[in-house]
Protein backbone atom coordinates (compact mmCIF):
# COMPACT_ATOMS: atom_id res chain seq x y z
CA MET A 1 -86.84 -41.41 74.21
CA HIS A 2 -87.60 -41.54 77.93
CA HIS A 3 -87.09 -45.10 79.16
CA ASP A 4 -89.33 -45.55 82.21
CA SER A 5 -89.01 -49.33 81.95
CA VAL A 6 -85.26 -49.08 81.49
CA LEU A 7 -84.93 -46.92 84.57
CA CYS A 8 -86.66 -49.54 86.68
CA LYS A 9 -84.22 -52.17 85.47
CA ALA A 10 -81.23 -49.89 85.87
CA VAL A 11 -81.88 -49.09 89.53
CA THR A 12 -80.64 -52.24 91.17
CA THR A 13 -79.78 -53.08 94.75
CA GLN A 14 -76.12 -52.67 93.90
CA SER A 15 -74.70 -49.62 95.66
CA ALA A 16 -72.51 -47.03 93.99
CA ASN A 17 -69.54 -48.49 95.87
CA ASP A 18 -69.88 -51.96 94.32
CA HIS A 19 -68.46 -51.03 90.94
CA LEU A 20 -68.94 -53.38 88.02
CA GLY A 21 -66.01 -54.59 85.96
CA LEU A 22 -66.16 -54.33 82.17
CA SER A 23 -67.55 -57.82 81.52
CA GLU A 24 -70.23 -57.42 84.20
CA ALA A 25 -71.10 -53.95 82.90
CA LEU A 26 -71.45 -55.28 79.35
CA ASN A 27 -73.70 -58.12 80.51
CA ARG A 28 -75.85 -55.67 82.47
CA ALA A 29 -76.11 -53.30 79.51
CA LYS A 30 -77.27 -56.08 77.19
CA GLY A 31 -80.31 -56.53 79.39
CA LEU A 32 -81.38 -52.91 78.82
CA GLU A 33 -82.93 -51.24 75.83
CA PRO A 34 -80.12 -49.25 74.16
CA PRO A 35 -80.23 -45.45 74.15
CA VAL A 36 -81.52 -43.61 71.10
CA LYS A 37 -79.92 -44.47 67.77
CA VAL A 38 -80.59 -44.05 64.06
CA THR A 39 -82.49 -46.88 62.39
CA PRO A 40 -80.48 -48.26 59.44
CA VAL A 41 -82.05 -47.75 56.02
CA SER A 42 -83.41 -50.85 54.29
CA ALA A 43 -80.85 -52.61 52.08
CA SER A 44 -83.48 -52.73 49.34
CA LYS A 45 -83.51 -48.93 49.04
CA GLY A 46 -81.48 -47.49 46.18
CA ILE A 47 -78.81 -44.84 46.48
CA VAL A 48 -81.11 -42.04 45.28
CA HIS A 49 -83.57 -42.79 48.11
CA ARG A 50 -80.72 -42.94 50.63
CA LEU A 51 -79.31 -39.61 49.48
CA ARG A 52 -82.72 -38.00 49.84
CA LEU A 53 -82.86 -39.23 53.42
CA ALA A 54 -79.32 -37.98 54.02
CA GLN A 55 -80.30 -34.45 53.03
CA HIS A 56 -82.33 -34.35 56.26
CA ASN A 57 -80.03 -36.52 58.39
CA LEU A 58 -76.59 -37.63 57.17
CA LEU A 59 -76.72 -40.82 59.23
CA SER A 60 -79.83 -42.02 57.39
CA VAL A 61 -77.65 -43.13 54.47
CA TRP A 62 -76.22 -46.16 56.31
CA ARG A 63 -77.58 -49.70 55.96
CA GLU A 64 -77.29 -52.41 58.62
CA GLU A 65 -74.46 -54.07 56.67
CA ASP A 66 -72.44 -50.84 56.83
CA TYR A 67 -72.02 -51.41 60.57
CA SER A 68 -69.95 -54.55 59.96
CA ILE A 69 -68.08 -54.10 56.65
CA ARG A 70 -64.46 -52.93 56.34
CA THR A 71 -64.71 -51.02 53.07
CA SER A 72 -67.20 -50.29 50.34
CA ARG A 73 -67.15 -48.41 47.08
CA MET A 74 -69.77 -46.25 45.43
CA ALA A 75 -69.81 -44.23 42.21
CA LEU A 76 -72.22 -41.34 41.69
CA MET A 77 -71.96 -40.24 38.08
CA LYS A 78 -68.50 -38.59 37.97
CA GLN A 79 -67.60 -38.89 41.65
CA ASP A 80 -66.10 -42.01 43.24
CA TYR A 81 -66.39 -42.77 46.97
CA VAL A 82 -64.61 -45.29 49.17
CA LEU A 83 -65.80 -45.93 52.73
CA CYS A 84 -62.92 -46.67 55.12
CA ASN A 85 -64.52 -48.57 57.98
CA SER A 86 -61.75 -50.48 59.74
CA PRO A 87 -58.69 -49.46 61.78
CA ASP A 88 -56.25 -50.45 59.02
CA THR A 89 -58.02 -48.42 56.33
CA VAL A 90 -58.31 -45.39 58.62
CA ARG A 91 -54.63 -45.72 59.49
CA ARG A 92 -53.67 -45.76 55.81
CA VAL A 93 -55.69 -42.68 54.89
CA PHE A 94 -55.19 -40.56 58.01
CA LEU A 95 -51.59 -41.51 58.85
CA GLU A 96 -49.53 -43.66 56.48
CA GLN A 97 -50.55 -41.88 53.26
CA HIS A 98 -51.52 -38.58 54.82
CA ASP A 99 -49.84 -36.49 52.10
CA ASN A 100 -52.10 -38.09 49.51
CA TYR A 101 -55.23 -37.54 51.60
CA ASP A 102 -54.66 -34.21 53.34
CA ARG A 103 -57.46 -32.42 51.46
CA LYS A 104 -61.01 -32.29 52.82
CA SER A 105 -63.72 -33.38 50.39
CA PRO A 106 -65.32 -30.83 48.02
CA GLN A 107 -68.57 -31.20 49.98
CA MET A 108 -66.90 -30.32 53.28
CA ARG A 109 -64.97 -27.42 51.79
CA ARG A 110 -68.10 -26.02 50.15
CA ALA A 111 -70.05 -26.38 53.39
CA LEU A 112 -67.49 -24.61 55.58
CA GLU A 113 -65.40 -22.22 53.48
CA PRO A 114 -67.90 -19.31 53.63
CA LEU A 115 -67.53 -19.39 57.42
CA LEU A 116 -63.94 -20.59 57.96
CA ASP A 117 -62.35 -19.31 54.73
CA ASP A 118 -58.81 -20.75 54.78
CA GLY A 119 -58.89 -21.78 58.45
CA LEU A 120 -57.14 -24.91 59.69
CA PHE A 121 -60.20 -27.13 59.44
CA VAL A 122 -60.52 -26.74 55.65
CA SER A 123 -57.03 -25.72 54.49
CA ASP A 124 -54.45 -28.21 53.18
CA GLY A 125 -50.90 -28.50 51.84
CA ASP A 126 -48.27 -25.92 52.76
CA LEU A 127 -50.83 -23.44 54.10
CA TRP A 128 -52.24 -26.03 56.50
CA ARG A 129 -48.75 -27.00 57.70
CA GLN A 130 -47.82 -23.35 58.26
CA ARG A 131 -51.01 -22.56 60.17
CA ARG A 132 -50.76 -25.73 62.24
CA ARG A 133 -47.28 -24.66 63.39
CA GLN A 134 -48.59 -21.19 64.20
CA CYS A 135 -51.61 -22.37 66.18
CA ALA A 136 -50.11 -25.34 68.03
CA PRO A 137 -48.21 -23.30 70.68
CA SER A 138 -51.49 -21.69 71.75
CA LEU A 139 -52.82 -25.05 72.97
CA THR A 140 -49.75 -26.47 74.70
CA ASN A 141 -50.15 -28.45 77.91
CA ALA A 142 -48.40 -25.66 79.82
CA LEU A 143 -51.37 -23.34 79.22
CA LEU A 144 -54.06 -25.90 80.06
CA PRO A 145 -54.20 -25.35 83.87
CA GLY A 146 -55.05 -21.69 83.31
CA PHE A 147 -57.75 -22.59 80.81
CA CYS A 148 -59.19 -25.09 83.31
CA THR A 149 -59.72 -22.27 85.81
CA THR A 150 -61.84 -20.51 83.19
CA MET A 151 -63.80 -23.73 82.60
CA THR A 152 -64.72 -24.28 86.24
CA ALA A 153 -65.47 -20.60 86.90
CA SER A 154 -67.88 -20.61 83.96
CA ALA A 155 -69.48 -23.88 85.10
CA GLU A 156 -69.93 -22.48 88.62
CA GLU A 157 -71.79 -19.51 87.14
CA THR A 158 -74.13 -21.96 85.42
CA ALA A 159 -74.63 -23.88 88.68
CA LYS A 160 -75.53 -20.68 90.53
CA ARG A 161 -78.03 -19.74 87.85
CA TRP A 162 -79.54 -23.24 87.95
CA ALA A 163 -79.97 -22.92 91.72
CA GLN A 164 -82.29 -19.96 91.09
CA HIS A 165 -84.26 -21.72 88.35
CA PRO A 166 -87.88 -22.69 89.20
CA SER A 167 -87.92 -26.39 90.09
CA ASP A 168 -91.14 -26.98 88.14
CA THR A 169 -89.86 -25.48 84.88
CA PRO A 170 -87.67 -27.46 82.46
CA ILE A 171 -84.50 -26.16 80.89
CA ASP A 172 -83.19 -27.00 77.42
CA MET A 173 -79.97 -28.79 78.28
CA LEU A 174 -78.60 -28.44 74.74
CA THR A 175 -79.00 -24.66 74.90
CA GLU A 176 -77.56 -24.57 78.43
CA MET A 177 -74.44 -26.48 77.38
CA ALA A 178 -74.09 -24.33 74.25
CA HIS A 179 -74.12 -21.16 76.36
CA LEU A 180 -71.69 -22.65 78.87
CA THR A 181 -69.14 -23.81 76.31
CA ALA A 182 -69.50 -20.56 74.36
CA ARG A 183 -68.68 -18.65 77.54
CA ILE A 184 -65.66 -20.88 78.15
CA ILE A 185 -64.25 -20.76 74.64
CA GLY A 186 -65.01 -17.04 74.31
CA ARG A 187 -63.00 -16.28 77.45
CA THR A 188 -60.27 -18.74 76.46
CA ILE A 189 -59.80 -17.23 73.01
CA PHE A 190 -60.39 -13.57 73.80
CA GLY A 191 -59.80 -13.25 77.54
CA ASP A 192 -61.77 -10.34 78.96
CA ASP A 193 -62.25 -8.85 75.50
CA THR A 194 -65.54 -10.61 74.89
CA THR A 195 -68.93 -10.41 76.56
CA ASP A 196 -71.39 -13.24 77.13
CA GLU A 197 -73.73 -11.45 74.72
CA GLU A 198 -71.10 -11.50 71.97
CA ALA A 199 -70.34 -15.16 72.61
CA GLU A 200 -74.03 -15.99 72.32
CA GLN A 201 -74.28 -13.96 69.11
CA VAL A 202 -71.50 -16.09 67.65
CA VAL A 203 -73.35 -19.23 68.77
CA ALA A 204 -76.53 -17.96 67.10
CA GLY A 205 -74.55 -17.27 63.93
CA PHE A 206 -73.12 -20.81 63.92
CA THR A 207 -76.60 -22.27 64.45
CA GLU A 208 -78.07 -20.26 61.59
CA TYR A 209 -75.11 -21.14 59.39
CA GLN A 210 -75.64 -24.86 59.92
CA ARG A 211 -79.36 -24.50 59.29
CA HIS A 212 -78.83 -22.87 55.91
CA SER A 213 -75.56 -24.44 54.72
CA GLU A 214 -75.69 -27.07 52.01
CA HIS A 215 -74.05 -29.79 54.08
CA LEU A 216 -75.03 -32.36 51.44
CA ASP A 217 -74.30 -30.56 48.18
CA MET A 218 -75.69 -32.88 45.51
CA ALA A 219 -73.78 -31.16 42.70
CA ASN A 220 -70.42 -31.96 44.27
CA MET A 221 -71.68 -35.36 45.45
CA LEU A 222 -72.25 -36.24 41.78
CA GLY A 223 -68.94 -34.75 40.66
CA LEU A 224 -70.73 -31.97 38.75
CA PRO A 225 -69.76 -28.80 40.68
CA PHE A 226 -71.07 -26.46 37.96
CA LEU A 227 -74.60 -27.56 38.91
CA SER A 228 -74.13 -25.78 42.24
CA LEU A 229 -74.95 -22.58 40.36
CA LEU A 230 -78.47 -23.94 39.97
CA GLY A 231 -78.94 -24.39 43.72
CA ASN A 232 -81.19 -22.39 46.01
CA PRO A 233 -79.94 -18.76 45.84
CA LEU A 234 -81.89 -17.77 48.97
CA ARG A 235 -80.19 -20.54 50.97
CA ARG A 236 -76.78 -19.42 49.70
CA SER A 237 -77.58 -15.81 50.58
CA ARG A 238 -78.64 -16.74 54.12
CA THR A 239 -75.53 -18.86 54.56
CA ARG A 240 -73.29 -15.97 53.52
CA TYR A 241 -75.20 -13.58 55.79
CA SER A 242 -74.77 -15.88 58.82
CA ALA A 243 -71.05 -16.16 58.10
CA LYS A 244 -70.79 -12.37 57.72
CA GLN A 245 -72.43 -11.88 61.13
CA VAL A 246 -69.87 -14.15 62.79
CA HIS A 247 -66.99 -12.44 60.96
CA GLU A 248 -68.14 -8.98 62.07
CA ILE A 249 -68.38 -9.96 65.74
CA ILE A 250 -64.94 -11.59 65.74
CA ASP A 251 -63.41 -8.62 63.88
CA ARG A 252 -64.89 -6.26 66.47
CA ILE A 253 -63.38 -8.25 69.33
CA ILE A 254 -59.99 -8.38 67.58
CA ASP A 255 -60.10 -4.60 67.13
CA ARG A 256 -60.69 -4.11 70.86
CA HIS A 257 -57.95 -6.54 71.69
CA THR A 258 -55.50 -4.80 69.35
CA HIS A 259 -56.04 -1.50 71.16
CA ARG A 260 -55.64 -3.16 74.56
CA SER A 261 -52.71 -5.45 73.70
CA GLY A 262 -49.70 -5.47 75.92
CA GLN A 263 -51.72 -5.85 79.09
CA GLY A 264 -50.58 -9.43 79.55
CA GLN A 265 -53.92 -11.16 79.07
CA HIS A 266 -53.69 -14.94 78.96
CA SER A 267 -55.70 -15.92 75.88
CA LEU A 268 -55.43 -17.66 72.52
CA ILE A 269 -55.96 -14.43 70.62
CA GLU A 270 -52.96 -12.93 72.45
CA SER A 271 -50.86 -15.77 71.05
CA PHE A 272 -52.31 -15.25 67.57
CA MET A 273 -51.72 -11.50 67.76
CA THR A 274 -48.09 -12.12 68.74
CA SER A 275 -47.76 -14.28 65.65
CA MET A 276 -49.39 -11.55 63.56
CA LYS A 277 -46.81 -9.04 64.76
CA ASP A 278 -43.56 -10.97 64.65
CA GLY A 279 -44.16 -14.56 63.65
CA GLY A 280 -44.09 -15.92 67.18
CA ASP A 281 -41.82 -18.92 67.65
CA ASN A 282 -41.60 -19.91 63.98
CA GLY A 283 -40.94 -16.57 62.31
CA CYS A 284 -43.94 -16.82 59.99
CA PRO A 285 -46.41 -14.07 60.84
CA MET A 286 -50.17 -14.52 60.57
CA GLY A 287 -52.15 -11.85 58.75
CA ARG A 288 -55.14 -10.20 60.39
CA LYS A 289 -57.58 -12.21 58.27
CA ALA A 290 -55.80 -15.42 59.24
CA VAL A 291 -56.10 -14.49 62.93
CA ARG A 292 -59.84 -14.05 62.47
CA ASN A 293 -60.23 -17.31 60.55
CA GLU A 294 -58.31 -19.35 63.12
CA ALA A 295 -60.21 -17.72 65.98
CA ILE A 296 -63.46 -18.82 64.31
CA VAL A 297 -62.11 -22.35 63.83
CA MET A 298 -61.16 -22.51 67.51
CA PHE A 299 -64.52 -21.10 68.58
CA MET A 300 -66.47 -23.55 66.44
CA ALA A 301 -64.36 -26.56 67.41
CA GLY A 302 -64.27 -25.66 71.10
CA HIS A 303 -67.89 -24.70 71.51
CA GLU A 304 -70.40 -26.76 69.57
CA THR A 305 -68.71 -30.15 69.65
CA THR A 306 -68.22 -30.05 73.42
CA ALA A 307 -71.71 -28.65 74.01
CA ASN A 308 -73.26 -31.50 72.04
CA ALA A 309 -71.12 -34.11 73.82
CA LEU A 310 -72.13 -32.71 77.23
CA ALA A 311 -75.81 -32.68 76.27
CA TRP A 312 -75.55 -36.36 75.29
CA CYS A 313 -73.83 -37.07 78.64
CA TRP A 314 -76.82 -35.68 80.54
CA TYR A 315 -79.20 -37.72 78.40
CA LEU A 316 -77.21 -40.92 79.02
CA LEU A 317 -76.86 -40.30 82.76
CA ASP A 318 -80.63 -39.90 82.98
CA TYR A 319 -81.09 -43.02 80.85
CA ASP A 320 -78.92 -45.00 83.30
CA PRO A 321 -79.37 -43.77 86.90
CA GLN A 322 -76.83 -46.32 88.11
CA ALA A 323 -74.17 -44.60 86.02
CA MET A 324 -75.21 -41.24 87.48
CA ALA A 325 -74.99 -42.69 91.00
CA ARG A 326 -71.48 -43.99 90.37
CA LEU A 327 -70.37 -40.69 88.85
CA GLN A 328 -71.74 -38.66 91.76
CA HIS A 329 -70.18 -41.05 94.26
CA GLU A 330 -66.80 -40.45 92.59
CA LEU A 331 -67.33 -36.68 92.72
CA ASP A 332 -68.34 -36.76 96.39
CA ASP A 333 -65.37 -38.94 97.25
CA VAL A 334 -62.75 -36.89 95.38
CA LEU A 335 -64.12 -33.35 95.61
CA GLY A 336 -66.31 -33.32 98.70
CA GLY A 337 -68.35 -30.43 97.35
CA ARG A 338 -65.46 -28.16 96.32
CA THR A 339 -64.91 -26.81 92.82
CA PRO A 340 -62.74 -29.17 90.73
CA CYS A 341 -59.45 -28.04 89.24
CA TYR A 342 -56.94 -29.16 86.61
CA ALA A 343 -55.24 -31.65 88.95
CA ASP A 344 -58.55 -33.34 89.79
CA VAL A 345 -59.20 -34.59 86.26
CA ALA A 346 -56.72 -37.45 86.71
CA LYS A 347 -58.58 -38.44 89.90
CA LEU A 348 -61.97 -38.68 88.15
CA PRO A 349 -61.61 -41.72 85.86
CA TYR A 350 -65.31 -42.62 85.81
CA THR A 351 -66.34 -39.06 84.95
CA MET A 352 -63.84 -39.12 82.08
CA ALA A 353 -65.14 -42.55 81.03
CA VAL A 354 -68.72 -41.25 80.87
CA PHE A 355 -67.61 -38.37 78.65
CA GLU A 356 -65.59 -40.64 76.36
CA GLU A 357 -68.39 -43.21 76.08
CA ALA A 358 -70.86 -40.43 75.23
CA MET A 359 -68.55 -39.38 72.39
CA ARG A 360 -68.37 -42.99 71.22
CA LEU A 361 -72.14 -43.33 71.00
CA TYR A 362 -72.69 -39.79 69.71
CA PRO A 363 -69.46 -38.57 68.06
CA PRO A 364 -69.60 -34.76 67.80
CA VAL A 365 -68.44 -34.88 64.16
CA PRO A 366 -69.93 -38.10 62.75
CA MET A 367 -68.46 -37.88 59.23
CA LEU A 368 -64.88 -37.14 58.14
CA SER A 369 -63.78 -36.99 54.52
CA ARG A 370 -60.64 -36.67 52.43
CA GLN A 371 -60.00 -36.34 48.70
CA ALA A 372 -57.20 -38.31 47.04
CA ARG A 373 -54.50 -36.27 45.31
CA GLY A 374 -53.24 -39.33 43.42
CA GLU A 375 -53.81 -43.03 42.84
CA ASP A 376 -53.61 -45.52 45.70
CA LYS A 377 -55.09 -48.78 46.93
CA VAL A 378 -56.98 -48.99 50.23
CA ARG A 379 -57.32 -52.61 51.24
CA ASN A 380 -58.74 -54.13 48.03
CA ARG A 381 -60.17 -50.90 46.65
CA ASP A 382 -58.50 -48.94 43.85
CA VAL A 383 -58.42 -45.22 44.55
CA ARG A 384 -58.20 -42.80 41.65
CA GLU A 385 -57.20 -39.15 41.78
CA GLY A 386 -60.18 -37.16 43.05
CA THR A 387 -61.81 -40.09 44.87
CA VAL A 388 -63.47 -39.06 48.14
CA LEU A 389 -62.56 -41.25 51.12
CA LEU A 390 -65.23 -41.35 53.82
CA VAL A 391 -64.48 -42.16 57.45
CA SER A 392 -67.54 -42.20 59.69
CA PRO A 393 -66.89 -42.18 63.45
CA TRP A 394 -70.60 -42.97 63.82
CA LEU A 395 -70.10 -46.29 61.99
CA LEU A 396 -66.69 -47.10 63.48
CA HIS A 397 -67.87 -46.41 67.03
CA ARG A 398 -70.80 -48.82 66.58
CA HIS A 399 -69.02 -51.39 64.39
CA ARG A 400 -70.30 -54.88 65.17
CA LYS A 401 -66.83 -56.44 64.82
CA LEU A 402 -64.96 -53.83 66.85
CA TRP A 403 -67.17 -53.39 69.92
CA GLU A 404 -69.17 -55.66 72.18
CA ALA A 405 -72.72 -54.37 72.71
CA PRO A 406 -71.89 -51.48 70.36
CA ASP A 407 -75.21 -49.64 70.74
CA HIS A 408 -75.20 -49.75 74.55
CA PHE A 409 -73.93 -47.22 77.08
CA VAL A 410 -71.00 -48.80 78.95
CA PRO A 411 -68.60 -46.20 80.42
CA GLU A 412 -66.50 -49.03 81.89
CA ARG A 413 -64.99 -49.49 78.40
CA PHE A 414 -62.88 -46.40 79.05
CA LEU A 415 -61.73 -46.97 82.62
CA PRO A 416 -57.94 -47.23 83.09
CA GLU A 417 -58.09 -50.97 83.84
CA ALA A 418 -59.95 -51.76 80.59
CA PRO A 419 -58.09 -52.36 77.30
CA ARG A 420 -57.76 -49.05 75.49
CA PRO A 421 -59.73 -48.98 72.21
CA ASP A 422 -57.71 -48.87 68.99
CA LYS A 423 -57.06 -45.18 68.24
CA PHE A 424 -58.04 -45.83 64.61
CA ALA A 425 -61.40 -47.27 65.71
CA TYR A 426 -62.25 -44.58 68.27
CA LEU A 427 -61.67 -41.10 66.88
CA PRO A 428 -63.94 -38.39 68.32
CA PHE A 429 -61.12 -35.90 67.69
CA SER A 430 -59.96 -37.48 64.41
CA VAL A 431 -56.46 -39.02 64.32
CA GLY A 432 -53.09 -38.64 62.61
CA PRO A 433 -51.43 -35.34 61.61
CA ARG A 434 -54.83 -33.61 61.43
CA VAL A 435 -55.90 -34.70 64.91
CA CYS A 436 -57.76 -31.90 66.70
CA LEU A 437 -55.30 -29.48 68.33
CA GLY A 438 -57.78 -28.96 71.16
CA LYS A 439 -58.23 -32.65 72.00
CA ARG A 440 -56.89 -32.38 75.55
CA PHE A 441 -58.68 -29.06 76.05
CA GLY A 442 -61.98 -30.68 75.04
CA LEU A 443 -61.53 -33.69 77.32
CA TYR A 444 -60.71 -31.52 80.34
CA GLU A 445 -63.56 -29.16 79.54
CA GLY A 446 -66.05 -32.03 79.39
CA VAL A 447 -64.90 -33.60 82.65
CA LEU A 448 -64.70 -30.34 84.61
CA CYS A 449 -68.13 -29.14 83.45
CA LEU A 450 -69.72 -32.49 84.29
CA ALA A 451 -67.96 -32.61 87.66
CA THR A 452 -68.95 -29.07 88.62
CA LEU A 453 -72.63 -29.43 87.71
CA ALA A 454 -73.31 -33.06 88.65
CA GLN A 455 -72.12 -32.37 92.21
CA HIS A 456 -75.15 -30.14 92.70
CA PHE A 457 -77.82 -31.43 90.29
CA THR A 458 -79.33 -34.60 88.86
CA PRO A 459 -81.03 -33.46 85.64
CA LYS A 460 -84.01 -35.61 84.57
CA LEU A 461 -85.44 -35.81 81.08
CA VAL A 462 -88.98 -34.44 80.85
CA LYS A 463 -91.32 -37.43 80.97
CA GLY A 464 -92.73 -38.39 77.62
CA HIS A 465 -90.14 -36.47 75.61
CA GLN A 466 -88.96 -38.45 72.58
CA VAL A 467 -85.24 -37.87 72.01
CA SER A 468 -84.11 -38.09 68.40
CA ILE A 469 -80.84 -37.45 66.61
CA GLU A 470 -80.11 -34.57 64.25
CA CYS A 471 -77.01 -34.84 62.10
CA ARG A 472 -75.86 -31.98 59.94
CA LEU A 473 -72.26 -30.85 60.33
CA THR A 474 -72.38 -32.04 63.94
CA LEU A 475 -74.49 -34.50 65.94
CA ARG A 476 -77.04 -33.13 68.42
CA PRO A 477 -80.41 -33.97 70.03
CA GLN A 478 -83.03 -32.77 67.56
CA GLY A 479 -85.12 -29.91 68.88
CA GLY A 480 -83.14 -29.68 72.12
CA LEU A 481 -83.15 -31.72 75.33
CA PRO A 482 -85.78 -30.59 77.88
CA MET A 483 -84.77 -31.59 81.42
CA MET A 484 -85.89 -30.86 84.97
CA LEU A 485 -83.20 -29.79 87.44
CA GLN A 486 -83.28 -31.98 90.55
CA PRO A 487 -81.02 -30.47 93.25
CA ARG A 488 -78.95 -32.91 95.29
């Protein structure tokens, strides 16, 4: 939604130098219409109606009361569900009793296994622990400065292309950010062994996969997996075909890399290939198929989630021009027009705060799930073997009892001088032993891309465009985000 009236209110006489504290920023935000959100479903609607809505948008299942409760329980025929919606319940499931809840839900496994196979995101038990040890060295802090150079170089290429774009023609910011992050993660994973065309083919494959995948598999939702055989065979065929396309591209790149190995390229695949040959640091070699699966996991996690988060940043900065002014003032003050680097991220607290607040309002992965291996009790809820535990960052990040003005855009929440949110209430990268390995990579990527591009442009949402939210496996602006590029 384009908020002409909001923009008038947001542009005050306050200069970018007169920065608001958290309490003042919260009070200011409360006077504005909040950015786009999902309207809660009526409490009078039954579960069947809510599930029908969720087949089109997963967030449509939540009622207003779900934004303030700590737990709830639901039984659908043979499948039990428990919603964990407070820091203590999230802590229990994701940390304290992790061994009992290390498995993803049947729905999540069914949705992602054709694409990721036994990759880190869907594996569990001993296999997950082994792969985690194998992949972790590839994303150590020591390698991050080199990856940051790739990030800024890729963002500069986007800025140069934007400078040539006709000023009277909109761009789709979601597509632009998808191409940018695909270029970054492609070069990070494969070094020089991938082309922009191949990266974009992988992106297209992911997009098609999400479009056709059964992200809300009713058979497994009801605890009747055999009914999946009665599902739409054409949808299943298209899902498998999309996954096959991605697999073939990644296999082709790995083949090229295998023939060129030993040239000292600095990339994630080089680390994986080392593990495939000799076990790397832990003496447990990865097979070729495992290398492919983990490369796909890294590509998916490092591309789409960051692209969506960046797209939401541009929407929010247009929604609140005062926030854009403060961000650009910080960039001018710290960078003075030069390209940012790894060391600059620590000097850009407001830019980081904008990125973190965007992920609070629009968490890239809005639903996390685990399946209980054995009996337990979560708060006052009995958990049986096979129960699916749901943790929704979308709900937690907008919880009425955890956040003041939860639906409003207030980057000041994440400035260094503000109290840090509870890590079990704010989890854009999950939390506990299964926390995203690329968390720091994603944060630096978001800040450096914003910093590089916002120095040169102030993107403006096309007037009259109604922004809405699409939630399938990830959270994105539905139908894209048309924006005009306004050079600075």
